[in-house]
Amino acid sequence: MKKEENAKFLKLCLADALLKMMKTQRFDAINVNDVCKQAGVGRTTYYRYFDKKSGIEDLLVFKIVYEAKAYNEKHKEEAEKDRGKVFLDFVYENRALFRLMYQNGLTTSIMKAFDALSDWREEKNSAYLRAFFVYGFFGVVYQWIKYDFDETPEEVQRHTAEVILRAMQEKQAQT
């Protein structure tokens, strides 16, 4: 296994161990030693990739980013047509993960993952537009999580499109 692949594997093992633990205990009660023990990985390995306690949250960010990229690659043809729809499908298929993070007050980590998944270049002239789309999309997903995924990805996409269209029509009517 290449060094990079080995690192990904170890990070995923740690993230999966953390998620397993979060099913039975609160996130804030879990420490690095517990995660390493659950994953069967030494603390030295953990600290090679992550900082202190904040690194535990980074495990979840890594997990979302890794899994979302793999999902996107698996649905490459669909993603070329509608990336938003494919991403909503990914979130819905992984709703247990997002629900667990929300229940543990880790919405900032979800936002960090969304930010890391944006492939827009970070140029000053497009930074505001990039932030608008990344965090706007996060806001939609956040509401969906709060409603406990009570609608399908297609329904969420339709509602969002309808609201945007209505706002544009109202703006046009004002001019």
N, C-alpha and C. Protein backbone atom coordinates (compact mmCIF):
# COMPACT_ATOMS: atom_id res chain seq x y z
N MET A 1 0.84 -1.18 0.00
CA MET A 1 0.00 0.00 0.00
C MET A 1 0.89 1.25 0.00
N LYS A 2 0.57 2.20 -0.83
CA LYS A 2 1.33 3.43 -0.86
C LYS A 2 1.16 4.18 0.45
N LYS A 3 2.09 5.06 0.73
CA LYS A 3 2.05 5.82 1.97
C LYS A 3 0.76 6.65 2.08
N GLU A 4 0.37 7.28 0.99
CA GLU A 4 -0.85 8.10 0.99
C GLU A 4 -2.09 7.24 1.20
N GLU A 5 -2.15 6.09 0.56
CA GLU A 5 -3.29 5.18 0.72
C GLU A 5 -3.34 4.64 2.15
N ASN A 6 -2.19 4.36 2.71
CA ASN A 6 -2.11 3.88 4.09
C ASN A 6 -2.63 4.96 5.05
N ALA A 7 -2.26 6.20 4.80
CA ALA A 7 -2.73 7.31 5.64
C ALA A 7 -4.25 7.44 5.56
N LYS A 8 -4.79 7.35 4.35
CA LYS A 8 -6.25 7.42 4.19
C LYS A 8 -6.93 6.28 4.94
N PHE A 9 -6.37 5.09 4.79
CA PHE A 9 -6.95 3.92 5.47
C PHE A 9 -6.97 4.13 6.98
N LEU A 10 -5.86 4.59 7.54
CA LEU A 10 -5.78 4.80 8.99
C LEU A 10 -6.76 5.89 9.45
N LYS A 11 -6.86 6.97 8.68
CA LYS A 11 -7.79 8.04 9.04
C LYS A 11 -9.24 7.54 9.00
N LEU A 12 -9.56 6.73 7.99
CA LEU A 12 -10.91 6.17 7.90
C LEU A 12 -11.18 5.20 9.06
N CYS A 13 -10.18 4.41 9.44
CA CYS A 13 -10.34 3.52 10.59
C CYS A 13 -10.63 4.31 11.86
N LEU A 14 -9.89 5.39 12.04
CA LEU A 14 -10.11 6.25 13.22
C LEU A 14 -11.49 6.90 13.16
N ALA A 15 -11.87 7.41 12.00
CA ALA A 15 -13.18 8.05 11.85
C ALA A 15 -14.31 7.05 12.10
N ASP A 16 -14.17 5.86 11.56
CA ASP A 16 -15.20 4.84 11.77
C ASP A 16 -15.29 4.43 13.23
N ALA A 17 -14.15 4.36 13.90
CA ALA A 17 -14.15 4.04 15.33
C ALA A 17 -14.87 5.14 16.12
N LEU A 18 -14.59 6.37 15.78
CA LEU A 18 -15.25 7.49 16.45
C LEU A 18 -16.76 7.43 16.23
N LEU A 19 -17.18 7.20 15.00
CA LEU A 19 -18.62 7.13 14.71
C LEU A 19 -19.28 5.98 15.46
N LYS A 20 -18.60 4.87 15.54
CA LYS A 20 -19.15 3.74 16.30
C LYS A 20 -19.35 4.13 17.76
N MET A 21 -18.39 4.82 18.32
CA MET A 21 -18.48 5.25 19.72
C MET A 21 -19.59 6.29 19.91
N MET A 22 -19.76 7.17 18.93
CA MET A 22 -20.76 8.23 19.04
C MET A 22 -22.18 7.67 19.05
N LYS A 23 -22.35 6.45 18.61
CA LYS A 23 -23.69 5.84 18.64
C LYS A 23 -24.13 5.51 20.06
N THR A 24 -23.15 5.37 20.96
CA THR A 24 -23.49 4.99 22.34
C THR A 24 -23.08 6.03 23.38
N GLN A 25 -22.29 7.02 22.99
CA GLN A 25 -21.88 8.05 23.95
C GLN A 25 -21.74 9.41 23.28
N ARG A 26 -21.85 10.43 24.08
CA ARG A 26 -21.76 11.80 23.57
C ARG A 26 -20.34 12.07 23.06
N PHE A 27 -20.26 12.88 22.01
CA PHE A 27 -18.97 13.22 21.42
C PHE A 27 -18.02 13.83 22.44
N ASP A 28 -18.54 14.74 23.26
CA ASP A 28 -17.66 15.45 24.19
C ASP A 28 -17.11 14.54 25.31
N ALA A 29 -17.62 13.32 25.43
CA ALA A 29 -17.11 12.37 26.42
C ALA A 29 -16.04 11.45 25.83
N ILE A 30 -15.81 11.56 24.54
CA ILE A 30 -14.86 10.67 23.85
C ILE A 30 -13.50 11.36 23.78
N ASN A 31 -12.45 10.62 24.09
CA ASN A 31 -11.11 11.20 23.98
C ASN A 31 -10.27 10.42 22.97
N VAL A 32 -9.11 10.96 22.70
CA VAL A 32 -8.21 10.39 21.70
C VAL A 32 -7.85 8.95 22.04
N ASN A 33 -7.55 8.69 23.31
CA ASN A 33 -7.19 7.33 23.72
C ASN A 33 -8.31 6.34 23.40
N ASP A 34 -9.55 6.74 23.67
CA ASP A 34 -10.69 5.87 23.40
C ASP A 34 -10.81 5.55 21.91
N VAL A 35 -10.65 6.58 21.09
CA VAL A 35 -10.77 6.40 19.64
C VAL A 35 -9.67 5.48 19.13
N CYS A 36 -8.45 5.71 19.58
CA CYS A 36 -7.32 4.88 19.15
C CYS A 36 -7.51 3.43 19.57
N LYS A 37 -7.97 3.24 20.79
CA LYS A 37 -8.21 1.88 21.29
C LYS A 37 -9.29 1.19 20.46
N GLN A 38 -10.38 1.90 20.20
CA GLN A 38 -11.47 1.34 19.41
C GLN A 38 -11.01 0.98 17.99
N ALA A 39 -10.13 1.82 17.43
CA ALA A 39 -9.65 1.60 16.05
C ALA A 39 -8.49 0.61 15.98
N GLY A 40 -7.90 0.30 17.14
CA GLY A 40 -6.74 -0.58 17.13
C GLY A 40 -5.52 0.11 16.54
N VAL A 41 -5.43 1.42 16.78
CA VAL A 41 -4.35 2.24 16.25
C VAL A 41 -3.65 2.93 17.41
N GLY A 42 -2.36 3.02 17.34
CA GLY A 42 -1.61 3.68 18.40
C GLY A 42 -1.81 5.19 18.40
N ARG A 43 -1.65 5.78 19.57
CA ARG A 43 -1.79 7.24 19.69
C ARG A 43 -0.78 7.99 18.83
N THR A 44 0.40 7.44 18.68
CA THR A 44 1.42 8.07 17.85
C THR A 44 0.92 8.22 16.42
N THR A 45 0.25 7.20 15.94
CA THR A 45 -0.32 7.25 14.59
C THR A 45 -1.36 8.35 14.49
N TYR A 46 -2.21 8.43 15.50
CA TYR A 46 -3.24 9.48 15.53
C TYR A 46 -2.58 10.86 15.44
N TYR A 47 -1.61 11.10 16.31
CA TYR A 47 -0.97 12.43 16.37
C TYR A 47 -0.10 12.72 15.15
N ARG A 48 0.20 11.71 14.36
CA ARG A 48 0.92 11.94 13.11
C ARG A 48 0.02 12.72 12.14
N TYR A 49 -1.28 12.52 12.24
CA TYR A 49 -2.22 13.12 11.30
C TYR A 49 -3.10 14.23 11.87
N PHE A 50 -3.26 14.24 13.21
CA PHE A 50 -4.20 15.19 13.80
C PHE A 50 -3.64 15.83 15.06
N ASP A 51 -4.18 17.00 15.39
CA ASP A 51 -3.84 17.71 16.62
C ASP A 51 -4.80 17.31 17.72
N LYS A 52 -4.40 17.35 18.91
CA LYS A 52 -5.18 17.18 20.13
C LYS A 52 -6.64 16.78 19.92
N LYS A 53 -7.52 17.28 20.77
CA LYS A 53 -8.95 16.95 20.73
C LYS A 53 -9.61 17.48 19.47
N SER A 54 -9.19 18.66 19.00
CA SER A 54 -9.83 19.22 17.80
C SER A 54 -9.64 18.30 16.60
N GLY A 55 -8.61 17.49 16.65
CA GLY A 55 -8.38 16.54 15.57
C GLY A 55 -9.47 15.50 15.47
N ILE A 56 -10.14 15.23 16.58
CA ILE A 56 -11.22 14.25 16.54
C ILE A 56 -12.32 14.75 15.61
N GLU A 57 -12.63 16.04 15.68
CA GLU A 57 -13.61 16.61 14.75
C GLU A 57 -13.08 16.52 13.32
N ASP A 58 -11.79 16.72 13.15
CA ASP A 58 -11.19 16.64 11.81
C ASP A 58 -11.33 15.24 11.21
N LEU A 59 -11.42 14.23 12.06
CA LEU A 59 -11.68 12.88 11.56
C LEU A 59 -13.00 12.83 10.81
N LEU A 60 -14.00 13.50 11.37
CA LEU A 60 -15.32 13.50 10.75
C LEU A 60 -15.33 14.31 9.46
N VAL A 61 -14.62 15.42 9.45
CA VAL A 61 -14.50 16.23 8.23
C VAL A 61 -13.83 15.40 7.15
N PHE A 62 -12.73 14.74 7.51
CA PHE A 62 -12.03 13.87 6.56
C PHE A 62 -12.97 12.80 6.02
N LYS A 63 -13.73 12.17 6.89
CA LYS A 63 -14.65 11.09 6.49
C LYS A 63 -15.68 11.60 5.48
N ILE A 64 -16.28 12.74 5.75
CA ILE A 64 -17.28 13.29 4.83
C ILE A 64 -16.65 13.62 3.49
N VAL A 65 -15.52 14.30 3.51
CA VAL A 65 -14.86 14.70 2.26
C VAL A 65 -14.45 13.46 1.46
N TYR A 66 -13.84 12.51 2.13
CA TYR A 66 -13.39 11.29 1.45
C TYR A 66 -14.58 10.55 0.82
N GLU A 67 -15.61 10.34 1.61
CA GLU A 67 -16.78 9.59 1.14
C GLU A 67 -17.52 10.35 0.04
N ALA A 68 -17.63 11.66 0.17
CA ALA A 68 -18.32 12.46 -0.85
C ALA A 68 -17.58 12.41 -2.18
N LYS A 69 -16.26 12.49 -2.14
CA LYS A 69 -15.48 12.41 -3.38
C LYS A 69 -15.62 11.03 -4.02
N ALA A 70 -15.60 10.00 -3.20
CA ALA A 70 -15.76 8.63 -3.73
C ALA A 70 -17.16 8.47 -4.33
N TYR A 71 -18.16 9.01 -3.67
CA TYR A 71 -19.54 8.93 -4.17
C TYR A 71 -19.67 9.69 -5.49
N ASN A 72 -19.06 10.86 -5.53
CA ASN A 72 -19.09 11.68 -6.74
C ASN A 72 -18.41 10.95 -7.91
N GLU A 73 -17.30 10.31 -7.62
CA GLU A 73 -16.58 9.56 -8.66
C GLU A 73 -17.43 8.39 -9.16
N LYS A 74 -18.11 7.74 -8.23
CA LYS A 74 -18.97 6.60 -8.59
C LYS A 74 -20.17 7.05 -9.44
N HIS A 75 -20.60 8.30 -9.26
CA HIS A 75 -21.75 8.85 -9.98
C HIS A 75 -21.31 9.99 -10.90
N LYS A 76 -20.14 9.80 -11.49
CA LYS A 76 -19.50 10.85 -12.28
C LYS A 76 -20.39 11.38 -13.41
N GLU A 77 -21.02 10.49 -14.14
CA GLU A 77 -21.86 10.90 -15.26
C GLU A 77 -23.04 11.75 -14.79
N GLU A 78 -23.68 11.32 -13.72
CA GLU A 78 -24.79 12.09 -13.16
C GLU A 78 -24.30 13.43 -12.63
N ALA A 79 -23.13 13.42 -11.99
CA ALA A 79 -22.59 14.64 -11.39
C ALA A 79 -22.26 15.70 -12.44
N GLU A 80 -21.86 15.26 -13.62
CA GLU A 80 -21.58 16.21 -14.70
C GLU A 80 -22.84 16.96 -15.11
N LYS A 81 -23.98 16.31 -14.94
CA LYS A 81 -25.26 16.93 -15.29
C LYS A 81 -25.80 17.79 -14.14
N ASP A 82 -25.67 17.28 -12.90
CA ASP A 82 -26.26 17.99 -11.76
C ASP A 82 -25.52 17.61 -10.47
N ARG A 83 -24.46 18.35 -10.17
CA ARG A 83 -23.65 18.07 -8.98
C ARG A 83 -24.45 18.22 -7.70
N GLY A 84 -25.33 19.22 -7.68
CA GLY A 84 -26.14 19.45 -6.49
C GLY A 84 -27.02 18.27 -6.14
N LYS A 85 -27.64 17.71 -7.15
CA LYS A 85 -28.51 16.55 -6.95
C LYS A 85 -27.70 15.36 -6.45
N VAL A 86 -26.55 15.12 -7.04
CA VAL A 86 -25.71 14.00 -6.61
C VAL A 86 -25.26 14.20 -5.17
N PHE A 87 -24.93 15.43 -4.82
CA PHE A 87 -24.49 15.68 -3.44
C PHE A 87 -25.65 15.50 -2.46
N LEU A 88 -26.84 15.95 -2.83
CA LEU A 88 -28.00 15.73 -1.96
C LEU A 88 -28.26 14.22 -1.79
N ASP A 89 -28.07 13.46 -2.85
CA ASP A 89 -28.21 12.00 -2.76
C ASP A 89 -27.18 11.43 -1.78
N PHE A 90 -25.94 11.93 -1.87
CA PHE A 90 -24.89 11.49 -0.96
C PHE A 90 -25.27 11.79 0.49
N VAL A 91 -25.72 12.99 0.75
CA VAL A 91 -26.11 13.37 2.11
C VAL A 91 -27.24 12.45 2.60
N TYR A 92 -28.22 12.23 1.75
CA TYR A 92 -29.36 11.40 2.14
C TYR A 92 -28.93 9.96 2.43
N GLU A 93 -28.07 9.42 1.60
CA GLU A 93 -27.59 8.05 1.83
C GLU A 93 -26.74 7.95 3.09
N ASN A 94 -26.16 9.07 3.51
CA ASN A 94 -25.32 9.10 4.70
C ASN A 94 -25.98 9.88 5.83
N ARG A 95 -27.30 9.92 5.82
CA ARG A 95 -28.04 10.74 6.80
C ARG A 95 -27.79 10.31 8.23
N ALA A 96 -27.48 9.04 8.47
CA ALA A 96 -27.17 8.60 9.84
C ALA A 96 -25.93 9.34 10.36
N LEU A 97 -24.94 9.50 9.51
CA LEU A 97 -23.72 10.23 9.88
C LEU A 97 -24.05 11.70 10.17
N PHE A 98 -24.78 12.34 9.28
CA PHE A 98 -25.10 13.75 9.46
C PHE A 98 -26.02 13.97 10.66
N ARG A 99 -26.94 13.06 10.87
CA ARG A 99 -27.85 13.14 12.02
C ARG A 99 -27.04 13.03 13.32
N LEU A 100 -26.13 12.08 13.35
CA LEU A 100 -25.29 11.86 14.53
C LEU A 100 -24.43 13.09 14.82
N MET A 101 -23.88 13.68 13.79
CA MET A 101 -23.07 14.89 13.98
C MET A 101 -23.94 16.04 14.49
N TYR A 102 -25.11 16.20 13.92
CA TYR A 102 -26.03 17.26 14.35
C TYR A 102 -26.42 17.07 15.82
N GLN A 103 -26.74 15.85 16.20
CA GLN A 103 -27.15 15.56 17.57
C GLN A 103 -26.03 15.82 18.57
N ASN A 104 -24.80 15.78 18.10
CA ASN A 104 -23.64 16.02 18.97
C ASN A 104 -23.09 17.43 18.85
N GLY A 105 -23.85 18.33 18.22
CA GLY A 105 -23.42 19.72 18.11
C GLY A 105 -22.23 19.94 17.20
N LEU A 106 -22.08 19.12 16.17
CA LEU A 106 -20.92 19.20 15.28
C LEU A 106 -21.27 19.76 13.91
N THR A 107 -22.22 20.69 13.87
CA THR A 107 -22.62 21.27 12.60
C THR A 107 -21.49 22.08 11.97
N THR A 108 -20.63 22.65 12.78
CA THR A 108 -19.49 23.39 12.24
C THR A 108 -18.57 22.45 11.46
N SER A 109 -18.44 21.23 11.90
CA SER A 109 -17.62 20.26 11.19
C SER A 109 -18.25 19.89 9.85
N ILE A 110 -19.57 19.83 9.81
CA ILE A 110 -20.26 19.58 8.54
C ILE A 110 -19.97 20.73 7.59
N MET A 111 -20.04 21.96 8.12
CA MET A 111 -19.77 23.14 7.30
C MET A 111 -18.33 23.13 6.79
N LYS A 112 -17.40 22.74 7.63
CA LYS A 112 -16.00 22.65 7.21
C LYS A 112 -15.83 21.65 6.06
N ALA A 113 -16.56 20.54 6.16
CA ALA A 113 -16.47 19.54 5.10
C ALA A 113 -17.02 20.09 3.79
N PHE A 114 -18.15 20.80 3.86
CA PHE A 114 -18.72 21.40 2.66
C PHE A 114 -17.73 22.38 2.04
N ASP A 115 -17.09 23.16 2.89
CA ASP A 115 -16.09 24.13 2.42
C ASP A 115 -14.93 23.41 1.74
N ALA A 116 -14.47 22.33 2.34
CA ALA A 116 -13.34 21.57 1.78
C ALA A 116 -13.72 20.90 0.46
N LEU A 117 -14.99 20.60 0.27
CA LEU A 117 -15.44 19.95 -0.96
C LEU A 117 -15.59 20.92 -2.13
N SER A 118 -15.63 22.20 -1.84
CA SER A 118 -15.76 23.19 -2.91
C SER A 118 -14.47 23.21 -3.73
N ASP A 119 -14.62 23.06 -5.03
CA ASP A 119 -13.42 23.07 -5.87
C ASP A 119 -13.21 24.41 -6.56
N TRP A 120 -13.91 25.43 -6.10
CA TRP A 120 -13.67 26.78 -6.62
C TRP A 120 -12.32 27.25 -6.14
N ARG A 121 -11.62 27.92 -7.02
CA ARG A 121 -10.36 28.52 -6.60
C ARG A 121 -10.66 29.67 -5.64
N GLU A 122 -9.82 29.81 -4.68
CA GLU A 122 -10.01 30.84 -3.65
C GLU A 122 -9.38 32.15 -4.10
N GLU A 123 -10.01 32.77 -5.10
CA GLU A 123 -9.56 34.08 -5.56
C GLU A 123 -10.45 35.13 -4.92
N LYS A 124 -9.86 36.25 -4.58
CA LYS A 124 -10.62 37.28 -3.87
C LYS A 124 -11.85 37.73 -4.65
N ASN A 125 -11.74 37.86 -5.95
CA ASN A 125 -12.87 38.37 -6.72
C ASN A 125 -14.04 37.39 -6.79
N SER A 126 -13.81 36.11 -6.49
CA SER A 126 -14.92 35.16 -6.50
C SER A 126 -15.21 34.59 -5.11
N ALA A 127 -14.49 35.05 -4.10
CA ALA A 127 -14.63 34.50 -2.76
C ALA A 127 -16.04 34.69 -2.19
N TYR A 128 -16.64 35.84 -2.44
CA TYR A 128 -17.98 36.08 -1.90
C TYR A 128 -19.01 35.18 -2.57
N LEU A 129 -18.90 35.03 -3.87
CA LEU A 129 -19.84 34.17 -4.59
C LEU A 129 -19.66 32.71 -4.17
N ARG A 130 -18.41 32.29 -4.01
CA ARG A 130 -18.11 30.94 -3.54
C ARG A 130 -18.73 30.73 -2.17
N ALA A 131 -18.52 31.67 -1.26
CA ALA A 131 -19.08 31.55 0.09
C ALA A 131 -20.60 31.50 0.05
N PHE A 132 -21.21 32.30 -0.81
CA PHE A 132 -22.66 32.32 -0.96
C PHE A 132 -23.18 30.94 -1.32
N PHE A 133 -22.56 30.30 -2.28
CA PHE A 133 -23.02 28.99 -2.72
C PHE A 133 -22.69 27.88 -1.72
N VAL A 134 -21.47 27.87 -1.21
CA VAL A 134 -21.07 26.81 -0.28
C VAL A 134 -21.92 26.87 0.98
N TYR A 135 -22.01 28.04 1.59
CA TYR A 135 -22.73 28.14 2.86
C TYR A 135 -24.24 28.19 2.65
N GLY A 136 -24.68 28.64 1.50
CA GLY A 136 -26.10 28.56 1.18
C GLY A 136 -26.53 27.11 1.05
N PHE A 137 -25.71 26.33 0.37
CA PHE A 137 -25.99 24.90 0.21
C PHE A 137 -25.95 24.22 1.57
N PHE A 138 -24.98 24.59 2.39
CA PHE A 138 -24.91 24.05 3.75
C PHE A 138 -26.19 24.38 4.50
N GLY A 139 -26.68 25.61 4.37
CA GLY A 139 -27.90 26.02 5.05
C GLY A 139 -29.10 25.17 4.66
N VAL A 140 -29.20 24.85 3.39
CA VAL A 140 -30.29 23.98 2.92
C VAL A 140 -30.17 22.61 3.58
N VAL A 141 -28.97 22.04 3.56
CA VAL A 141 -28.76 20.72 4.15
C VAL A 141 -28.98 20.77 5.66
N TYR A 142 -28.55 21.84 6.29
CA TYR A 142 -28.74 21.99 7.74
C TYR A 142 -30.23 21.95 8.10
N GLN A 143 -31.05 22.66 7.33
CA GLN A 143 -32.49 22.63 7.58
C GLN A 143 -33.05 21.23 7.36
N TRP A 144 -32.56 20.56 6.36
CA TRP A 144 -32.99 19.20 6.05
C TRP A 144 -32.65 18.27 7.22
N ILE A 145 -31.45 18.44 7.77
CA ILE A 145 -31.05 17.65 8.93
C ILE A 145 -31.98 17.96 10.11
N LYS A 146 -32.25 19.24 10.34
CA LYS A 146 -33.14 19.63 11.45
C LYS A 146 -34.52 19.01 11.30
N TYR A 147 -35.00 18.88 10.07
CA TYR A 147 -36.29 18.25 9.80
C TYR A 147 -36.17 16.73 9.75
N ASP A 148 -35.00 16.22 10.15
CA ASP A 148 -34.73 14.78 10.22
C ASP A 148 -34.96 14.08 8.88
N PHE A 149 -34.52 14.75 7.81
CA PHE A 149 -34.54 14.15 6.47
C PHE A 149 -35.94 13.64 6.10
N ASP A 150 -36.94 14.46 6.39
CA ASP A 150 -38.33 14.05 6.16
C ASP A 150 -38.76 14.12 4.70
N GLU A 151 -37.87 14.57 3.84
CA GLU A 151 -38.17 14.64 2.41
C GLU A 151 -37.05 13.98 1.62
N THR A 152 -37.35 13.65 0.39
CA THR A 152 -36.35 13.04 -0.49
C THR A 152 -35.41 14.13 -1.02
N PRO A 153 -34.26 13.74 -1.56
CA PRO A 153 -33.37 14.73 -2.18
C PRO A 153 -34.08 15.51 -3.30
N GLU A 154 -34.92 14.83 -4.05
CA GLU A 154 -35.64 15.48 -5.15
C GLU A 154 -36.58 16.56 -4.61
N GLU A 155 -37.26 16.27 -3.51
CA GLU A 155 -38.17 17.26 -2.91
C GLU A 155 -37.41 18.47 -2.38
N VAL A 156 -36.28 18.23 -1.75
CA VAL A 156 -35.47 19.35 -1.24
C VAL A 156 -34.99 20.21 -2.40
N GLN A 157 -34.53 19.57 -3.46
CA GLN A 157 -34.05 20.31 -4.62
C GLN A 157 -35.19 21.11 -5.25
N ARG A 158 -36.37 20.52 -5.34
CA ARG A 158 -37.53 21.20 -5.92
C ARG A 158 -37.93 22.40 -5.07
N HIS A 159 -37.99 22.23 -3.74
CA HIS A 159 -38.34 23.35 -2.85
C HIS A 159 -37.35 24.50 -3.00
N THR A 160 -36.08 24.16 -3.02
CA THR A 160 -35.04 25.18 -3.13
C THR A 160 -35.16 25.93 -4.46
N ALA A 161 -35.36 25.20 -5.54
CA ALA A 161 -35.51 25.83 -6.86
C ALA A 161 -36.74 26.73 -6.89
N GLU A 162 -37.83 26.28 -6.30
CA GLU A 162 -39.05 27.09 -6.27
C GLU A 162 -38.85 28.39 -5.50
N VAL A 163 -38.18 28.33 -4.38
CA VAL A 163 -37.93 29.53 -3.58
C VAL A 163 -37.05 30.52 -4.33
N ILE A 164 -36.01 30.01 -4.97
CA ILE A 164 -35.12 30.88 -5.74
C ILE A 164 -35.87 31.51 -6.90
N LEU A 165 -36.65 30.73 -7.61
CA LEU A 165 -37.43 31.24 -8.74
C LEU A 165 -38.42 32.30 -8.28
N ARG A 166 -39.10 32.02 -7.17
CA ARG A 166 -40.07 32.98 -6.64
C ARG A 166 -39.39 34.30 -6.25
N ALA A 167 -38.23 34.21 -5.63
CA ALA A 167 -37.49 35.41 -5.24
C ALA A 167 -37.06 36.21 -6.46
N MET A 168 -36.63 35.51 -7.50
CA MET A 168 -36.22 36.19 -8.74
C MET A 168 -37.43 36.88 -9.39
N GLN A 169 -38.58 36.22 -9.38
CA GLN A 169 -39.79 36.80 -9.97
C GLN A 169 -40.24 38.02 -9.19
N GLU A 170 -40.14 37.96 -7.87
CA GLU A 170 -40.52 39.10 -7.04
C GLU A 170 -39.58 40.28 -7.29
N LYS A 171 -38.33 39.99 -7.44
CA LYS A 171 -37.33 41.03 -7.72
C LYS A 171 -37.62 41.68 -9.07
N GLN A 172 -37.94 40.86 -10.07
CA GLN A 172 -38.26 41.38 -11.40
C GLN A 172 -39.52 42.25 -11.36
N ALA A 173 -40.49 41.83 -10.59
CA ALA A 173 -41.74 42.59 -10.49
C ALA A 173 -41.51 43.95 -9.85
N GLN A 174 -40.52 44.06 -9.00
CA GLN A 174 -40.20 45.33 -8.35
C GLN A 174 -39.53 46.32 -9.30
N THR A 175 -38.90 45.82 -10.33
CA THR A 175 -38.18 46.71 -11.25
C THR A 175 -39.01 47.15 -12.41
